[in-house]
């Protein structure tokens, strides 16, 4: 049995992408509710467990926002000219809505494990943020750009073994910090 890695485009191994919106800030009835609303500045290259701001059901409805489930990988898609934003990502530790600067990535489970996707993006995000983004003033991804990002993927069983090892290294690093 050969353990080969396939070179693919990210669009080949994902089901869908989703980015959110910002409810109108002019309507105070959209804000200070109980629905989490995540911004790209809160992505921590780890598990994010809460959002700073919350919106109301009216804000969710007005901006036509979906709830992105816990465990989903989210990447920053705007402002990637800034070294502090470029490559930012997170795994969601809670259900939340997103602003327009965040993109949720939903992998095809038969091709791509979400934890492997997360570890892969941590490794390539900064480089890809320079190489594949577009814009004159602000460097950004859009869905079409994300779909063409090259990714090398082993079988899902191997992806899970790899992420278990990387997650244990992350745990050790966290303990020592």
C-alpha atoms as a PDB file:
ATOM      1  CA  UNK A   1       0.000   0.000   0.000  1.00  0.00           C
ATOM      2  CA  UNK A   2       1.420   3.361  -1.019  1.00  0.00           C
ATOM      3  CA  UNK A   3       1.076   6.418   1.242  1.00  0.00           C
ATOM      4  CA  UNK A   4       1.038   9.050  -1.479  1.00  0.00           C
ATOM      5  CA  UNK A   5      -0.106  12.591  -1.047  1.00  0.00           C
ATOM      6  CA  UNK A   6      -2.288  14.031  -3.781  1.00  0.00           C
ATOM      7  CA  UNK A   7      -1.737  17.557  -5.048  1.00  0.00           C
ATOM      8  CA  UNK A   8      -5.209  19.119  -5.364  1.00  0.00           C
ATOM      9  CA  UNK A   9      -6.897  22.488  -5.445  1.00  0.00           C
ATOM     10  CA  UNK A  10      -8.689  23.347  -2.228  1.00  0.00           C
ATOM     11  CA  UNK A  11     -11.945  23.662  -4.197  1.00  0.00           C
ATOM     12  CA  UNK A  12     -11.693  19.951  -5.068  1.00  0.00           C
ATOM     13  CA  UNK A  13     -11.750  18.853  -1.416  1.00  0.00           C
ATOM     14  CA  UNK A  14     -14.285  21.255   0.114  1.00  0.00           C
ATOM     15  CA  UNK A  15     -18.074  21.241   0.028  1.00  0.00           C
ATOM     16  CA  UNK A  16     -18.564  24.961   0.431  1.00  0.00           C
ATOM     17  CA  UNK A  17     -17.363  28.299   1.737  1.00  0.00           C
ATOM     18  CA  UNK A  18     -19.291  30.921   3.677  1.00  0.00           C
ATOM     19  CA  UNK A  19     -18.495  34.442   4.778  1.00  0.00           C
ATOM     20  CA  UNK A  20     -20.709  36.628   6.895  1.00  0.00           C
ATOM     21  CA  UNK A  21     -21.753  40.252   7.026  1.00  0.00           C
ATOM     22  CA  UNK A  22     -22.035  43.087   9.505  1.00  0.00           C
ATOM     23  CA  UNK A  23     -25.545  44.037  10.596  1.00  0.00           C
ATOM     24  CA  UNK A  24     -26.207  47.765  10.338  1.00  0.00           C
ATOM     25  CA  UNK A  25     -24.555  49.586  13.199  1.00  0.00           C
ATOM     26  CA  UNK A  26     -27.029  52.443  12.694  1.00  0.00           C
ATOM     27  CA  UNK A  27     -29.812  50.226  14.060  1.00  0.00           C
ATOM     28  CA  UNK A  28     -29.123  49.643  17.749  1.00  0.00           C
ATOM     29  CA  UNK A  29     -31.728  46.846  17.749  1.00  0.00           C
ATOM     30  CA  UNK A  30     -29.191  44.699  15.835  1.00  0.00           C
ATOM     31  CA  UNK A  31     -26.608  44.735  18.616  1.00  0.00           C
ATOM     32  CA  UNK A  32     -26.054  43.579  22.206  1.00  0.00           C
ATOM     33  CA  UNK A  33     -28.126  40.435  21.794  1.00  0.00           C
ATOM     34  CA  UNK A  34     -27.183  36.866  22.634  1.00  0.00           C
ATOM     35  CA  UNK A  35     -25.925  35.597  19.235  1.00  0.00           C
ATOM     36  CA  UNK A  36     -22.115  35.534  18.952  1.00  0.00           C
ATOM     37  CA  UNK A  37     -20.618  37.528  16.037  1.00  0.00           C
ATOM     38  CA  UNK A  38     -16.950  36.865  15.231  1.00  0.00           C
ATOM     39  CA  UNK A  39     -14.500  39.207  13.474  1.00  0.00           C
ATOM     40  CA  UNK A  40     -11.194  38.394  11.770  1.00  0.00           C
ATOM     41  CA  UNK A  41      -9.326  40.206  14.560  1.00  0.00           C
ATOM     42  CA  UNK A  42     -10.479  37.494  16.963  1.00  0.00           C
ATOM     43  CA  UNK A  43      -8.945  34.642  14.964  1.00  0.00           C
ATOM     44  CA  UNK A  44      -6.100  33.326  17.105  1.00  0.00           C
ATOM     45  CA  UNK A  45      -4.463  30.476  15.147  1.00  0.00           C
ATOM     46  CA  UNK A  46      -5.955  28.178  17.743  1.00  0.00           C
ATOM     47  CA  UNK A  47      -9.409  27.403  19.069  1.00  0.00           C
ATOM     48  CA  UNK A  48     -11.498  30.527  19.552  1.00  0.00           C
ATOM     49  CA  UNK A  49     -14.108  30.058  22.285  1.00  0.00           C
ATOM     50  CA  UNK A  50     -16.013  33.340  22.372  1.00  0.00           C
ATOM     51  CA  UNK A  51     -16.664  36.530  20.447  1.00  0.00           C
ATOM     52  CA  UNK A  52     -16.336  40.077  21.698  1.00  0.00           C
ATOM     53  CA  UNK A  53     -19.599  41.283  20.168  1.00  0.00           C
ATOM     54  CA  UNK A  54     -23.061  39.772  20.037  1.00  0.00           C
ATOM     55  CA  UNK A  55     -25.999  40.508  17.797  1.00  0.00           C
ATOM     56  CA  UNK A  56     -29.753  40.116  18.131  1.00  0.00           C
ATOM     57  CA  UNK A  57     -32.022  37.871  16.091  1.00  0.00           C
ATOM     58  CA  UNK A  58     -33.063  41.007  14.189  1.00  0.00           C
ATOM     59  CA  UNK A  59     -29.405  41.711  13.354  1.00  0.00           C
ATOM     60  CA  UNK A  60     -28.953  38.120  12.208  1.00  0.00           C
ATOM     61  CA  UNK A  61     -32.062  38.326  10.034  1.00  0.00           C
ATOM     62  CA  UNK A  62     -31.219  41.774   8.633  1.00  0.00           C
ATOM     63  CA  UNK A  63     -27.722  40.653   7.577  1.00  0.00           C
ATOM     64  CA  UNK A  64     -28.954  37.195   6.492  1.00  0.00           C
ATOM     65  CA  UNK A  65     -26.359  35.487   8.696  1.00  0.00           C
ATOM     66  CA  UNK A  66     -25.964  31.741   9.126  1.00  0.00           C
ATOM     67  CA  UNK A  67     -24.805  30.080  12.303  1.00  0.00           C
ATOM     68  CA  UNK A  68     -21.375  28.539  11.703  1.00  0.00           C
ATOM     69  CA  UNK A  69     -21.024  25.419  13.871  1.00  0.00           C
ATOM     70  CA  UNK A  70     -18.391  24.589  16.449  1.00  0.00           C
ATOM     71  CA  UNK A  71     -15.415  22.774  14.908  1.00  0.00           C
ATOM     72  CA  UNK A  72     -15.474  24.755  11.648  1.00  0.00           C
ATOM     73  CA  UNK A  73     -12.209  26.218  10.319  1.00  0.00           C
ATOM     74  CA  UNK A  74     -12.404  29.975   9.689  1.00  0.00           C
ATOM     75  CA  UNK A  75      -9.782  32.099   7.926  1.00  0.00           C
ATOM     76  CA  UNK A  76      -9.271  35.854   7.617  1.00  0.00           C
ATOM     77  CA  UNK A  77      -9.970  36.992   4.045  1.00  0.00           C
ATOM     78  CA  UNK A  78      -9.381  40.769   4.100  1.00  0.00           C
ATOM     79  CA  UNK A  79      -6.547  43.001   5.242  1.00  0.00           C
ATOM     80  CA  UNK A  80      -3.990  40.351   4.302  1.00  0.00           C
ATOM     81  CA  UNK A  81      -1.357  42.951   3.450  1.00  0.00           C
ATOM     82  CA  UNK A  82      -0.816  43.223   7.225  1.00  0.00           C
ATOM     83  CA  UNK A  83       1.540  40.622   8.671  1.00  0.00           C
ATOM     84  CA  UNK A  84      -0.618  40.327  11.805  1.00  0.00           C
ATOM     85  CA  UNK A  85      -3.720  39.405   9.799  1.00  0.00           C
ATOM     86  CA  UNK A  86      -2.187  37.410   6.948  1.00  0.00           C
ATOM     87  CA  UNK A  87      -2.556  33.704   7.673  1.00  0.00           C
ATOM     88  CA  UNK A  88      -4.919  34.214  10.586  1.00  0.00           C
ATOM     89  CA  UNK A  89      -7.310  31.359  11.151  1.00  0.00           C
ATOM     90  CA  UNK A  90      -9.095  29.521  13.934  1.00  0.00           C
ATOM     91  CA  UNK A  91     -11.122  26.461  14.764  1.00  0.00           C
ATOM     92  CA  UNK A  92     -14.435  27.414  16.288  1.00  0.00           C
ATOM     93  CA  UNK A  93     -14.970  26.257  19.856  1.00  0.00           C
ATOM     94  CA  UNK A  94     -18.559  27.517  19.767  1.00  0.00           C
ATOM     95  CA  UNK A  95     -21.398  28.210  17.316  1.00  0.00           C
ATOM     96  CA  UNK A  96     -21.250  31.749  15.925  1.00  0.00           C
ATOM     97  CA  UNK A  97     -22.041  34.128  13.099  1.00  0.00           C
ATOM     98  CA  UNK A  98     -19.225  35.805  11.140  1.00  0.00           C
ATOM     99  CA  UNK A  99     -18.440  39.213   9.741  1.00  0.00           C
ATOM    100  CA  UNK A 100     -17.484  39.757   6.106  1.00  0.00           C
ATOM    101  CA  UNK A 101     -13.752  39.454   6.823  1.00  0.00           C
ATOM    102  CA  UNK A 102     -14.046  35.810   7.873  1.00  0.00           C
ATOM    103  CA  UNK A 103     -14.524  32.764   5.638  1.00  0.00           C
ATOM    104  CA  UNK A 104     -15.749  29.421   6.976  1.00  0.00           C
ATOM    105  CA  UNK A 105     -14.452  26.392   5.090  1.00  0.00           C
ATOM    106  CA  UNK A 106     -16.532  23.206   4.977  1.00  0.00           C
ATOM    107  CA  UNK A 107     -14.415  20.229   3.836  1.00  0.00           C
ATOM    108  CA  UNK A 108     -15.680  17.123   2.060  1.00  0.00           C
ATOM    109  CA  UNK A 109     -15.276  14.550   4.827  1.00  0.00           C
ATOM    110  CA  UNK A 110     -14.129  11.818   2.455  1.00  0.00           C
ATOM    111  CA  UNK A 111     -11.159  13.958   1.305  1.00  0.00           C
ATOM    112  CA  UNK A 112     -10.252  16.414   4.042  1.00  0.00           C
ATOM    113  CA  UNK A 113     -10.311  16.299   7.829  1.00  0.00           C
ATOM    114  CA  UNK A 114     -11.130  19.713   9.408  1.00  0.00           C
ATOM    115  CA  UNK A 115      -8.225  19.436  11.859  1.00  0.00           C
ATOM    116  CA  UNK A 116      -5.813  18.692   9.003  1.00  0.00           C
ATOM    117  CA  UNK A 117      -7.245  21.677   7.093  1.00  0.00           C
ATOM    118  CA  UNK A 118      -6.578  23.864  10.131  1.00  0.00           C
ATOM    119  CA  UNK A 119      -2.986  22.666  10.601  1.00  0.00           C
ATOM    120  CA  UNK A 120      -2.337  22.976   6.848  1.00  0.00           C
ATOM    121  CA  UNK A 121      -3.566  26.575   6.790  1.00  0.00           C
ATOM    122  CA  UNK A 122      -1.441  27.499   9.799  1.00  0.00           C
ATOM    123  CA  UNK A 123       1.569  26.213   7.810  1.00  0.00           C
ATOM    124  CA  UNK A 124       0.774  27.920   4.474  1.00  0.00           C
ATOM    125  CA  UNK A 125      -1.478  30.852   5.357  1.00  0.00           C
ATOM    126  CA  UNK A 126       1.145  33.585   5.465  1.00  0.00           C
ATOM    127  CA  UNK A 127       2.805  32.498   2.217  1.00  0.00           C
ATOM    128  CA  UNK A 128      -0.529  32.052   0.433  1.00  0.00           C
ATOM    129  CA  UNK A 129      -1.744  35.397   1.781  1.00  0.00           C
ATOM    130  CA  UNK A 130       1.071  37.057  -0.164  1.00  0.00           C
ATOM    131  CA  UNK A 131       0.981  34.864  -3.248  1.00  0.00           C
ATOM    132  CA  UNK A 132      -2.762  34.393  -3.969  1.00  0.00           C
ATOM    133  CA  UNK A 133      -4.609  37.472  -2.726  1.00  0.00           C
ATOM    134  CA  UNK A 134      -5.804  40.385  -4.850  1.00  0.00           C
ATOM    135  CA  UNK A 135      -6.415  44.079  -4.314  1.00  0.00           C
ATOM    136  CA  UNK A 136      -4.748  47.419  -4.773  1.00  0.00           C
ATOM    137  CA  UNK A 137      -5.245  48.961  -1.341  1.00  0.00           C
ATOM    138  CA  UNK A 138      -6.274  45.957   0.702  1.00  0.00           C
ATOM    139  CA  UNK A 139      -5.158  42.406  -0.119  1.00  0.00           C
ATOM    140  CA  UNK A 140      -8.064  39.949   0.050  1.00  0.00           C
ATOM    141  CA  UNK A 141      -9.267  36.487  -0.827  1.00  0.00           C
ATOM    142  CA  UNK A 142     -12.609  35.743  -2.396  1.00  0.00           C
ATOM    143  CA  UNK A 143     -14.260  32.344  -2.797  1.00  0.00           C
ATOM    144  CA  UNK A 144     -12.785  31.788  -6.255  1.00  0.00           C
ATOM    145  CA  UNK A 145      -9.228  32.507  -5.060  1.00  0.00           C
ATOM    146  CA  UNK A 146      -9.614  30.191  -2.076  1.00  0.00           C
ATOM    147  CA  UNK A 147     -10.811  27.381  -4.336  1.00  0.00           C
ATOM    148  CA  UNK A 148      -7.589  27.473  -6.404  1.00  0.00           C
ATOM    149  CA  UNK A 149      -5.194  27.283  -3.435  1.00  0.00           C
ATOM    150  CA  UNK A 150      -2.951  24.227  -3.860  1.00  0.00           C
ATOM    151  CA  UNK A 151      -3.114  21.624  -1.102  1.00  0.00           C
ATOM    152  CA  UNK A 152      -1.338  18.289  -0.738  1.00  0.00           C
ATOM    153  CA  UNK A 153      -3.504  15.703   0.973  1.00  0.00           C
ATOM    154  CA  UNK A 154      -2.867  12.165   2.130  1.00  0.00           C
ATOM    155  CA  UNK A 155      -5.736   9.785   2.866  1.00  0.00           C
ATOM    156  CA  UNK A 156      -8.049  10.975   5.637  1.00  0.00           C
ATOM    157  CA  UNK A 157      -6.834   8.256   8.030  1.00  0.00           C
ATOM    158  CA  UNK A 158      -3.279   9.557   7.624  1.00  0.00           C
ATOM    159  CA  UNK A 159      -4.489  13.169   7.995  1.00  0.00           C
ATOM    160  CA  UNK A 160      -5.980  12.249  11.380  1.00  0.00           C
ATOM    161  CA  UNK A 161      -2.730  10.637  12.550  1.00  0.00           C
ATOM    162  CA  UNK A 162      -0.779  13.735  11.504  1.00  0.00           C
ATOM    163  CA  UNK A 163      -3.136  16.125  13.282  1.00  0.00           C
ATOM    164  CA  UNK A 164      -3.061  14.053  16.484  1.00  0.00           C
ATOM    165  CA  UNK A 165       0.722  14.457  16.541  1.00  0.00           C
ATOM    166  CA  UNK A 166       0.583  18.181  15.718  1.00  0.00           C
ATOM    167  CA  UNK A 167      -2.165  18.751  18.295  1.00  0.00           C
ATOM    168  CA  UNK A 168      -0.040  17.055  20.969  1.00  0.00           C
ATOM    169  CA  UNK A 169       2.875  19.370  20.056  1.00  0.00           C
ATOM    170  CA  UNK A 170       0.503  22.348  20.309  1.00  0.00           C
ATOM    171  CA  UNK A 171      -0.580  21.155  23.765  1.00  0.00           C
ATOM    172  CA  UNK A 172       3.045  20.865  24.926  1.00  0.00           C
ATOM    173  CA  UNK A 173       3.856  24.350  23.602  1.00  0.00           C
ATOM    174  CA  UNK A 174       0.798  25.760  25.386  1.00  0.00           C
ATOM    175  CA  UNK A 175       1.835  24.122  28.667  1.00  0.00           C
ATOM    176  CA  UNK A 176       5.311  25.639  28.432  1.00  0.00           C
ATOM    177  CA  UNK A 177       3.976  29.123  27.740  1.00  0.00           C
END
